[in-house]
Amino acid sequence: MMLVYDGNQIASWRKANAVHKWFVDNVQDGVDDCGEYKVTKEHLIQLYNICSDILIDPKLAKSLLPTQSGFFFGETVYEDGYYVSLDYTVEIIDEILEYKSYCLDDLYYSSSW
């Protein structure tokens, strides 16, 4: 799973199934087909806020950013790996919004198995 700008990978997740599920539900209109989908600034802000809220109050995890089971999807428990992926997501979105605003016109999410 990755964010791509101008053909170059600028972020990647491994086994962060909850983050992938969020992109499928909110960016890909529920279609999980390993395609490349346009990501807007609004998408990034929404995901950033969700991840931040969960990191502040982990009890929100199941309702705001549920895990997803599946082949190659990793763990579905709300333990260290889940929260590490949220920390990473917050960091990368913060970096994109603060330092790489130029890429927001040409930012895409894609995944492949």
Protein backbone atom coordinates (compact mmCIF):
# COMPACT_ATOMS: atom_id res chain seq x y z
CA MET A 1 0.00 0.00 0.00
CA MET A 2 1.50 3.31 -0.94
CA LEU A 3 1.03 6.96 -1.74
CA VAL A 4 2.51 7.93 -5.07
CA TYR A 5 3.38 11.37 -6.41
CA ASP A 6 4.45 11.84 -10.01
CA GLY A 7 5.21 8.12 -10.29
CA ASN A 8 7.36 8.08 -7.15
CA GLN A 9 6.45 6.40 -3.90
CA ILE A 10 6.38 8.90 -1.03
CA ALA A 11 4.82 6.68 1.67
CA SER A 12 4.15 3.00 2.15
CA TRP A 13 2.39 0.81 4.67
CA ARG A 14 2.86 -2.88 5.25
CA LYS A 15 0.06 -4.91 6.83
CA ALA A 16 -1.77 -1.77 7.98
CA ASN A 17 -5.12 -3.25 7.09
CA ALA A 18 -7.19 -0.61 8.90
CA VAL A 19 -5.51 2.18 6.92
CA HIS A 20 -6.00 0.25 3.69
CA LYS A 21 -9.67 -0.32 4.54
CA TRP A 22 -10.06 3.43 5.12
CA PHE A 23 -8.62 4.20 1.68
CA VAL A 24 -10.85 1.58 0.03
CA ASP A 25 -13.96 2.92 1.77
CA ASN A 26 -13.23 6.64 1.43
CA VAL A 27 -11.07 7.04 -1.68
CA GLN A 28 -11.85 3.99 -3.81
CA ASP A 29 -15.65 3.97 -3.38
CA GLY A 30 -15.45 0.52 -1.76
CA VAL A 31 -13.65 -1.08 -4.71
CA ASP A 32 -10.52 -2.98 -3.65
CA ASP A 33 -8.99 -3.69 -7.05
CA CYS A 34 -5.31 -2.70 -6.62
CA GLY A 35 -5.92 0.34 -8.82
CA GLU A 36 -4.48 3.81 -8.43
CA TYR A 37 -6.85 6.38 -6.91
CA LYS A 38 -6.61 10.16 -6.52
CA VAL A 39 -6.12 11.35 -2.94
CA THR A 40 -7.14 14.91 -2.03
CA LYS A 41 -6.02 17.19 0.75
CA GLU A 42 -9.42 16.66 2.35
CA HIS A 43 -8.87 12.89 2.37
CA LEU A 44 -5.52 13.35 4.11
CA ILE A 45 -6.95 15.70 6.72
CA GLN A 46 -9.82 13.31 7.46
CA LEU A 47 -7.50 10.32 7.88
CA TYR A 48 -5.07 12.40 9.95
CA ASN A 49 -7.86 13.46 12.31
CA ILE A 50 -9.16 9.91 12.71
CA CYS A 51 -5.70 8.52 13.48
CA SER A 52 -4.95 11.36 15.89
CA ASP A 53 -8.24 10.88 17.73
CA ILE A 54 -7.56 7.17 18.16
CA LEU A 55 -4.02 7.78 19.39
CA ILE A 56 -5.48 10.09 22.04
CA ASP A 57 -8.32 7.69 22.94
CA PRO A 58 -7.66 4.09 21.82
CA LYS A 59 -11.24 3.10 22.72
CA LEU A 60 -12.29 4.83 19.47
CA ALA A 61 -10.28 2.43 17.28
CA LYS A 62 -13.00 -0.13 16.52
CA SER A 63 -15.56 2.51 15.58
CA LEU A 64 -13.38 5.04 13.73
CA LEU A 65 -10.79 2.83 11.99
CA PRO A 66 -11.68 -0.86 12.20
CA THR A 67 -9.27 -3.56 11.15
CA GLN A 68 -9.94 -5.84 8.19
CA SER A 69 -9.04 -9.46 7.81
CA GLY A 70 -7.77 -10.97 4.61
CA PHE A 71 -4.89 -12.65 2.89
CA PHE A 72 -1.65 -10.66 3.49
CA PHE A 73 -3.55 -8.19 5.68
CA GLY A 74 -1.72 -8.82 8.93
CA GLU A 75 -3.15 -8.81 12.42
CA THR A 76 -6.68 -7.69 13.20
CA VAL A 77 -6.07 -6.99 16.86
CA TYR A 78 -5.80 -3.50 18.29
CA GLU A 79 -2.30 -3.83 19.70
CA ASP A 80 1.15 -2.32 19.10
CA GLY A 81 1.30 -2.89 15.33
CA TYR A 82 -2.04 -1.16 14.83
CA TYR A 83 -0.96 1.93 16.76
CA VAL A 84 2.48 2.00 15.10
CA SER A 85 0.72 2.19 11.72
CA LEU A 86 -1.41 5.09 13.00
CA ASP A 87 1.66 6.93 14.30
CA TYR A 88 3.32 6.49 10.91
CA THR A 89 0.16 7.66 9.12
CA VAL A 90 -0.02 10.83 11.21
CA GLU A 91 3.68 11.53 10.63
CA ILE A 92 3.56 11.05 6.87
CA ILE A 93 0.37 13.08 6.42
CA ASP A 94 1.80 15.87 8.55
CA GLU A 95 4.93 15.87 6.39
CA ILE A 96 2.92 15.91 3.17
CA LEU A 97 0.66 18.73 4.32
CA GLU A 98 3.48 20.82 5.76
CA TYR A 99 6.38 20.24 3.37
CA LYS A 100 5.07 18.64 0.23
CA SER A 101 1.96 20.63 -0.57
CA TYR A 102 3.12 20.73 -4.20
CA CYS A 103 2.23 17.04 -4.54
CA LEU A 104 -1.41 17.41 -3.51
CA ASP A 105 -2.51 17.95 -7.10
CA ASP A 106 -1.04 14.64 -8.21
CA LEU A 107 -1.22 12.27 -5.23
CA TYR A 108 -2.53 8.71 -5.58
CA TYR A 109 -3.10 5.69 -3.37
CA SER A 110 -2.50 2.21 -4.67
CA SER A 111 -2.15 -1.27 -3.29
CA SER A 112 -1.17 -4.61 -4.68
CA TRP A 113 -1.06 -8.09 -3.27
